[in-house]
Amino acid sequence: MDRNSGQKRAVHYLYPPVEPFDQRQMDVGDGHIVYYEQSGNPDGLPVIVVHGGPGGGCSPAMRRYFDPKVYRIILFDQRGCGRSRPHASVTANTTWHLVADMERIRAALGIDTWIVFGGSWGATLSLLYAQAHPESTVCLILRGVFLMRQSELDWFYGGGAGHFWPEPWKRFVGLIPEEERGDLIEAYHRRLFCGDRATEVKFARSWASWENALASVYSTGSGGEPPADYAHAFSRLENHYFRNKGFLETDGQILANMDRIQHIPGYIVQGRYDMICPPRSAFELAERWERATLRIIRNAGHALSEPGISAELVRIMDELARR
């Protein structure tokens, strides 16, 4: 399949929707039950899809980037979101719990090695998983790279992105008293975890709406009003992780540990006009990773659904299927 035909199918068709042949709830301990599913070919190439957020949850559309005749497609909802329970819980919910959950799923399914496919926070978690378990990872497919660094948080929650999107930024900041605006992550944390459901949902919707407003290069700046349950889990989990710097030991930990996965091939698909995770992080990652291929998509923002990004991801997965 050539580049143009790949773009046409990805933009307009992707792969046809497929239903899971296996859906399970796994008790991972600590009071958490994690949902995971399998679709596609039970004997195919295993690929685990790592969703963003933290707190975004997986969706049926995520199955459509893979030829179901070739791939054994594994989706899971990270702790506290989607169909995992307890909903919106941050107890025993850290990056390292999620890495361990991925290993539990791999072992439960009897998979020796798999492709790891993740975007945004899912790219962060995919990289950290691979660095912890390089023997289980045969290839990394990353989109909208986020490296969980303070500079990235400062960009998005400290006003950098707000210079390009002043209208949604004003809405996001406007709910917080001026004296607390020096640390918006902390200010939102106090309200997202205040114990009053109505207040938590109000600020959860504002937090999620700010991100939604900037996801696509075609955005009008309106983040809409996300459903209460979704926003509550997404915003609490994201805020919890960002407030704790992703539970990493040092800022820049992922780049510092790239020696652990130099032997693993990877593809990085990045929107040129990604306002949530600007291309600099993807570029720096590729510079530190000998076997990485960086593909910058023009006229694209952050979202998985951006036409150019979808096209490139489908093309890459089809290319890997032919090897």
Protein backbone atom coordinates (compact mmCIF):
# COMPACT_ATOMS: atom_id res chain seq x y z
CA MET A 1 0.00 0.00 0.00
CA ASP A 2 1.48 3.34 -0.98
CA ARG A 3 1.36 6.49 1.12
CA ASN A 4 -1.61 8.07 -0.65
CA SER A 5 -3.80 4.98 -0.50
CA GLY A 6 -2.95 4.62 3.17
CA GLN A 7 -4.06 8.16 3.84
CA LYS A 8 -7.31 7.68 1.98
CA ARG A 9 -8.27 4.56 3.92
CA ALA A 10 -7.23 5.97 7.30
CA VAL A 11 -9.02 9.27 6.89
CA HIS A 12 -12.25 7.97 5.45
CA TYR A 13 -12.49 4.36 6.49
CA LEU A 14 -9.79 3.27 8.93
CA TYR A 15 -10.42 -0.45 9.40
CA PRO A 16 -14.03 -1.57 9.82
CA PRO A 17 -15.28 -1.68 13.40
CA VAL A 18 -14.65 -5.01 15.12
CA GLU A 19 -16.19 -6.38 18.29
CA PRO A 20 -14.06 -7.89 21.06
CA PHE A 21 -13.85 -11.67 21.22
CA ASP A 22 -12.77 -11.44 24.86
CA GLN A 23 -13.61 -8.93 27.62
CA ARG A 24 -12.44 -9.26 31.21
CA GLN A 25 -12.18 -7.55 34.56
CA MET A 26 -8.88 -8.28 36.30
CA ASP A 27 -8.37 -7.86 40.03
CA VAL A 28 -4.95 -6.20 40.20
CA GLY A 29 -4.96 -5.73 43.97
CA ASP A 30 -5.07 -2.53 46.01
CA GLY A 31 -8.86 -2.55 45.62
CA HIS A 32 -8.64 -1.97 41.84
CA ILE A 33 -10.36 -3.90 39.03
CA VAL A 34 -8.91 -3.23 35.57
CA TYR A 35 -10.89 -3.78 32.37
CA TYR A 36 -9.18 -5.23 29.31
CA GLU A 37 -10.34 -6.68 26.02
CA GLN A 38 -9.09 -8.46 22.91
CA SER A 39 -10.27 -8.11 19.32
CA GLY A 40 -9.02 -9.00 15.86
CA ASN A 41 -7.11 -12.22 15.22
CA PRO A 42 -6.60 -14.37 18.37
CA ASP A 43 -3.44 -15.80 16.75
CA GLY A 44 -2.26 -12.51 15.29
CA LEU A 45 0.54 -10.10 16.15
CA PRO A 46 -0.17 -8.80 19.67
CA VAL A 47 -0.44 -5.03 20.09
CA ILE A 48 -1.45 -3.29 23.30
CA VAL A 49 -3.06 0.14 22.97
CA VAL A 50 -2.20 2.56 25.77
CA HIS A 51 -4.70 5.40 26.09
CA GLY A 52 -3.98 8.96 27.10
CA GLY A 53 -4.92 11.22 29.94
CA PRO A 54 -4.13 9.85 32.47
CA GLY A 55 -7.80 9.06 32.83
CA GLY A 56 -8.92 9.08 29.21
CA GLY A 57 -10.01 5.46 28.94
CA CYS A 58 -10.04 3.37 25.77
CA SER A 59 -12.72 3.49 23.07
CA PRO A 60 -13.91 1.18 20.25
CA ALA A 61 -12.41 3.59 17.68
CA MET A 62 -8.94 2.65 18.92
CA ARG A 63 -9.37 -0.84 17.46
CA ARG A 64 -9.67 0.60 13.96
CA TYR A 65 -6.00 1.41 13.43
CA PHE A 66 -5.09 -2.25 13.02
CA ASP A 67 -5.91 -4.84 10.37
CA PRO A 68 -8.10 -7.26 12.38
CA LYS A 69 -6.96 -10.15 10.20
CA VAL A 70 -3.35 -9.53 11.21
CA TYR A 71 -3.37 -8.09 14.71
CA ARG A 72 -4.44 -9.34 18.11
CA ILE A 73 -5.62 -5.99 19.50
CA ILE A 74 -5.53 -5.49 23.26
CA LEU A 75 -7.14 -2.45 24.88
CA PHE A 76 -7.35 -1.69 28.59
CA ASP A 77 -8.67 1.04 30.84
CA GLN A 78 -6.04 2.29 33.27
CA ARG A 79 -6.85 2.38 36.97
CA GLY A 80 -9.72 4.66 37.93
CA CYS A 81 -11.18 5.35 34.48
CA GLY A 82 -13.33 3.88 31.73
CA ARG A 83 -14.70 0.50 32.79
CA SER A 84 -12.08 0.01 35.50
CA ARG A 85 -13.15 0.39 39.11
CA PRO A 86 -13.29 2.19 41.49
CA HIS A 87 -14.11 5.10 39.23
CA ALA A 88 -12.02 8.28 39.58
CA SER A 89 -9.98 6.78 42.41
CA VAL A 90 -6.40 7.95 42.92
CA THR A 91 -5.63 5.54 45.75
CA ALA A 92 -2.82 3.14 44.81
CA ASN A 93 -2.80 4.79 41.40
CA THR A 94 0.67 5.68 40.15
CA THR A 95 2.67 5.24 36.98
CA TRP A 96 4.33 2.15 38.43
CA HIS A 97 1.00 0.56 39.30
CA LEU A 98 0.01 1.01 35.64
CA VAL A 99 3.28 -0.48 34.36
CA ALA A 100 2.70 -3.49 36.63
CA ASP A 101 -0.89 -3.80 35.39
CA MET A 102 0.32 -3.98 31.79
CA GLU A 103 2.68 -6.80 32.74
CA ARG A 104 -0.17 -8.62 34.50
CA ILE A 105 -2.27 -8.41 31.35
CA ARG A 106 0.59 -9.69 29.18
CA ALA A 107 1.20 -12.63 31.51
CA ALA A 108 -2.52 -13.44 31.82
CA LEU A 109 -2.83 -13.59 28.03
CA GLY A 110 0.25 -15.77 27.62
CA ILE A 111 1.97 -13.24 25.37
CA ASP A 112 5.78 -13.31 25.21
CA THR A 113 6.32 -10.02 23.37
CA TRP A 114 4.06 -7.36 21.95
CA ILE A 115 3.94 -4.07 20.08
CA VAL A 116 3.18 -1.12 22.36
CA PHE A 117 1.05 1.64 20.79
CA GLY A 118 0.33 4.81 22.77
CA GLY A 119 -0.41 8.51 22.39
CA SER A 120 0.04 11.57 24.60
CA TRP A 121 0.18 10.27 28.19
CA GLY A 122 -0.11 6.86 26.54
CA ALA A 123 3.24 7.57 24.86
CA THR A 124 4.72 8.42 28.27
CA LEU A 125 3.46 5.20 29.80
CA SER A 126 4.52 3.17 26.75
CA LEU A 127 8.09 4.47 27.03
CA LEU A 128 8.24 3.82 30.77
CA TYR A 129 6.81 0.34 30.30
CA ALA A 130 9.39 -0.44 27.60
CA GLN A 131 12.22 0.88 29.76
CA ALA A 132 11.05 -1.34 32.63
CA HIS A 133 10.34 -4.37 30.41
CA PRO A 134 12.47 -4.14 27.25
CA GLU A 135 12.42 -7.92 26.89
CA SER A 136 8.63 -7.82 26.35
CA THR A 137 8.56 -4.93 23.85
CA VAL A 138 9.30 -5.56 20.18
CA CYS A 139 8.30 -2.15 18.80
CA LEU A 140 6.94 1.18 20.03
CA ILE A 141 4.43 3.29 18.09
CA LEU A 142 4.06 6.71 19.72
CA ARG A 143 1.84 9.68 18.92
CA GLY A 144 1.79 13.21 20.37
CA VAL A 145 4.81 12.67 22.60
CA PHE A 146 4.67 13.77 26.24
CA LEU A 147 7.76 13.12 28.37
CA MET A 148 6.31 14.12 31.75
CA ARG A 149 8.71 17.03 32.26
CA GLN A 150 8.12 20.21 34.22
CA SER A 151 8.70 22.31 31.11
CA GLU A 152 5.78 20.54 29.39
CA LEU A 153 3.48 21.13 32.37
CA ASP A 154 4.57 24.78 32.50
CA TRP A 155 3.74 25.16 28.81
CA PHE A 156 0.20 23.87 29.15
CA TYR A 157 -0.73 25.01 32.66
CA GLY A 158 1.53 28.02 33.00
CA GLY A 159 0.30 30.14 30.11
CA GLY A 160 2.42 29.08 27.12
CA ALA A 161 -0.43 27.48 25.18
CA GLY A 162 -2.67 30.28 26.43
CA HIS A 163 -0.74 32.76 24.26
CA PHE A 164 -2.10 30.92 21.22
CA TRP A 165 -5.55 30.24 22.67
CA PRO A 166 -6.39 33.22 24.90
CA GLU A 167 -10.16 32.68 24.84
CA PRO A 168 -10.24 29.13 26.32
CA TRP A 169 -7.31 30.06 28.57
CA LYS A 170 -9.35 32.89 30.03
CA ARG A 171 -12.19 30.47 30.79
CA PHE A 172 -9.81 27.98 32.37
CA VAL A 173 -8.04 30.52 34.56
CA GLY A 174 -11.17 32.54 35.29
CA LEU A 175 -12.58 30.03 37.77
CA ILE A 176 -9.54 30.46 40.02
CA PRO A 177 -8.97 33.52 42.28
CA GLU A 178 -6.08 35.68 41.11
CA GLU A 179 -3.97 34.95 44.18
CA GLU A 180 -3.96 31.21 43.32
CA ARG A 181 -3.16 31.47 39.62
CA GLY A 182 0.58 31.03 40.11
CA ASP A 183 0.04 27.26 40.40
CA LEU A 184 -3.07 26.19 38.52
CA ILE A 185 -2.44 22.48 38.99
CA GLU A 186 -2.49 22.94 42.75
CA ALA A 187 -5.45 25.34 42.64
CA TYR A 188 -7.52 22.88 40.61
CA HIS A 189 -6.38 20.03 42.86
CA ARG A 190 -7.97 21.68 45.90
CA ARG A 191 -11.30 21.85 44.09
CA LEU A 192 -11.17 18.50 42.28
CA PHE A 193 -10.63 16.74 45.61
CA CYS A 194 -12.73 18.93 47.88
CA GLY A 195 -15.30 16.21 48.64
CA ASP A 196 -18.29 18.10 47.24
CA ARG A 197 -19.47 16.31 44.09
CA ALA A 198 -20.99 19.37 42.41
CA THR A 199 -17.85 21.44 42.91
CA GLU A 200 -15.60 18.64 41.75
CA VAL A 201 -17.64 18.16 38.56
CA LYS A 202 -17.68 21.90 37.84
CA PHE A 203 -13.91 22.15 37.97
CA ALA A 204 -13.44 18.77 36.30
CA ARG A 205 -15.41 19.97 33.30
CA SER A 206 -13.34 23.14 33.14
CA TRP A 207 -10.07 21.18 33.33
CA ALA A 208 -11.14 18.74 30.61
CA SER A 209 -12.62 21.46 28.42
CA TRP A 210 -9.33 23.39 28.36
CA GLU A 211 -7.56 20.35 26.95
CA ASN A 212 -10.36 19.44 24.55
CA ALA A 213 -10.35 22.96 23.13
CA LEU A 214 -6.75 22.59 21.98
CA ALA A 215 -6.75 18.98 20.77
CA SER A 216 -7.36 19.57 17.07
CA VAL A 217 -5.74 21.94 14.62
CA TYR A 218 -9.28 22.52 13.33
CA SER A 219 -10.62 23.55 16.75
CA THR A 220 -12.76 26.66 17.18
CA GLY A 221 -11.59 26.95 20.78
CA SER A 222 -14.74 25.50 22.29
CA GLY A 223 -14.02 22.56 24.54
CA GLY A 224 -17.70 21.75 24.96
CA GLU A 225 -19.10 20.35 28.19
CA PRO A 226 -17.78 16.82 28.77
CA PRO A 227 -20.09 14.31 30.50
CA ALA A 228 -19.83 14.57 34.28
CA ASP A 229 -18.60 11.03 34.99
CA TYR A 230 -15.97 11.13 32.27
CA ALA A 231 -14.72 14.60 33.24
CA HIS A 232 -14.61 13.67 36.91
CA ALA A 233 -12.32 10.68 36.34
CA PHE A 234 -10.22 12.28 33.60
CA SER A 235 -9.54 15.52 35.46
CA ARG A 236 -8.92 14.03 38.89
CA LEU A 237 -6.52 11.42 37.53
CA GLU A 238 -4.68 13.82 35.25
CA ASN A 239 -4.34 16.39 38.00
CA HIS A 240 -3.18 13.71 40.46
CA TYR A 241 -0.47 12.50 38.10
CA PHE A 242 0.70 15.95 37.07
CA ARG A 243 0.77 17.21 40.65
CA ASN A 244 3.05 14.27 41.46
CA LYS A 245 5.24 14.79 38.36
CA GLY A 246 4.19 11.43 36.98
CA PHE A 247 5.74 9.71 40.00
CA LEU A 248 9.13 9.84 38.27
CA GLU A 249 12.30 10.04 40.29
CA THR A 250 13.80 12.90 38.29
CA ASP A 251 12.71 15.46 35.72
CA GLY A 252 13.79 14.18 32.32
CA GLN A 253 13.92 10.57 33.51
CA ILE A 254 12.64 9.10 30.24
CA LEU A 255 15.34 10.70 28.10
CA ALA A 256 18.00 9.82 30.67
CA ASN A 257 17.04 6.12 30.43
CA MET A 258 16.86 5.79 26.65
CA ASP A 259 19.90 3.50 26.70
CA ARG A 260 17.56 0.76 27.99
CA ILE A 261 15.57 0.64 24.74
CA GLN A 262 18.07 1.65 22.06
CA HIS A 263 17.70 -1.79 20.48
CA ILE A 264 13.90 -1.48 20.14
CA PRO A 265 12.59 0.05 16.90
CA GLY A 266 10.07 2.85 17.20
CA TYR A 267 7.91 5.23 15.21
CA ILE A 268 7.00 8.69 16.45
CA VAL A 269 4.03 10.43 14.81
CA GLN A 270 3.73 14.07 15.80
CA GLY A 271 1.42 16.88 14.72
CA ARG A 272 3.35 19.99 13.66
CA TYR A 273 0.84 22.25 15.41
CA ASP A 274 0.27 20.18 18.53
CA MET A 275 -0.59 22.75 21.22
CA ILE A 276 -0.90 20.22 24.04
CA CYS A 277 2.37 18.37 23.47
CA PRO A 278 4.54 20.57 21.22
CA PRO A 279 6.88 18.84 18.73
CA ARG A 280 10.07 19.67 20.63
CA SER A 281 9.61 16.67 22.91
CA ALA A 282 9.14 14.29 19.97
CA PHE A 283 12.23 15.77 18.32
CA GLU A 284 14.36 15.41 21.46
CA LEU A 285 13.17 11.84 21.92
CA ALA A 286 14.09 10.93 18.35
CA GLU A 287 17.51 12.56 18.79
CA ARG A 288 18.20 10.21 21.75
CA TRP A 289 16.83 7.06 20.09
CA GLU A 290 18.90 5.47 17.34
CA ARG A 291 16.17 3.19 15.98
CA ALA A 292 13.36 5.76 16.02
CA THR A 293 11.70 7.17 12.93
CA LEU A 294 10.14 10.60 13.47
CA ARG A 295 7.27 11.62 11.22
CA ILE A 296 6.03 15.17 11.64
CA ILE A 297 2.53 15.61 10.22
CA ARG A 298 1.82 19.02 8.74
CA ASN A 299 -1.56 20.64 9.34
CA ALA A 300 -2.16 18.42 12.37
CA GLY A 301 -2.62 19.03 16.07
CA HIS A 302 -2.66 16.61 18.97
CA ALA A 303 -5.70 14.36 18.57
CA LEU A 304 -5.49 10.75 17.47
CA SER A 305 -8.39 11.51 15.10
CA GLU A 306 -6.52 14.20 13.15
CA PRO A 307 -6.72 12.95 9.52
CA GLY A 308 -2.99 13.11 8.83
CA ILE A 309 -2.10 11.42 12.10
CA SER A 310 -4.67 8.66 11.60
CA ALA A 311 -3.37 8.11 8.08
CA GLU A 312 0.22 7.77 9.19
CA LEU A 313 -0.56 5.44 12.07
CA VAL A 314 -2.56 3.10 9.85
CA ARG A 315 0.22 3.18 7.25
CA ILE A 316 2.83 2.26 9.86
CA MET A 317 0.77 -0.61 11.24
CA ASP A 318 0.14 -1.92 7.72
CA GLU A 319 3.86 -1.66 7.02
CA LEU A 320 4.71 -3.67 10.13
CA ALA A 321 2.08 -6.27 9.21
CA ARG A 322 3.88 -6.95 5.92
CA ARG A 323 7.23 -7.69 7.58
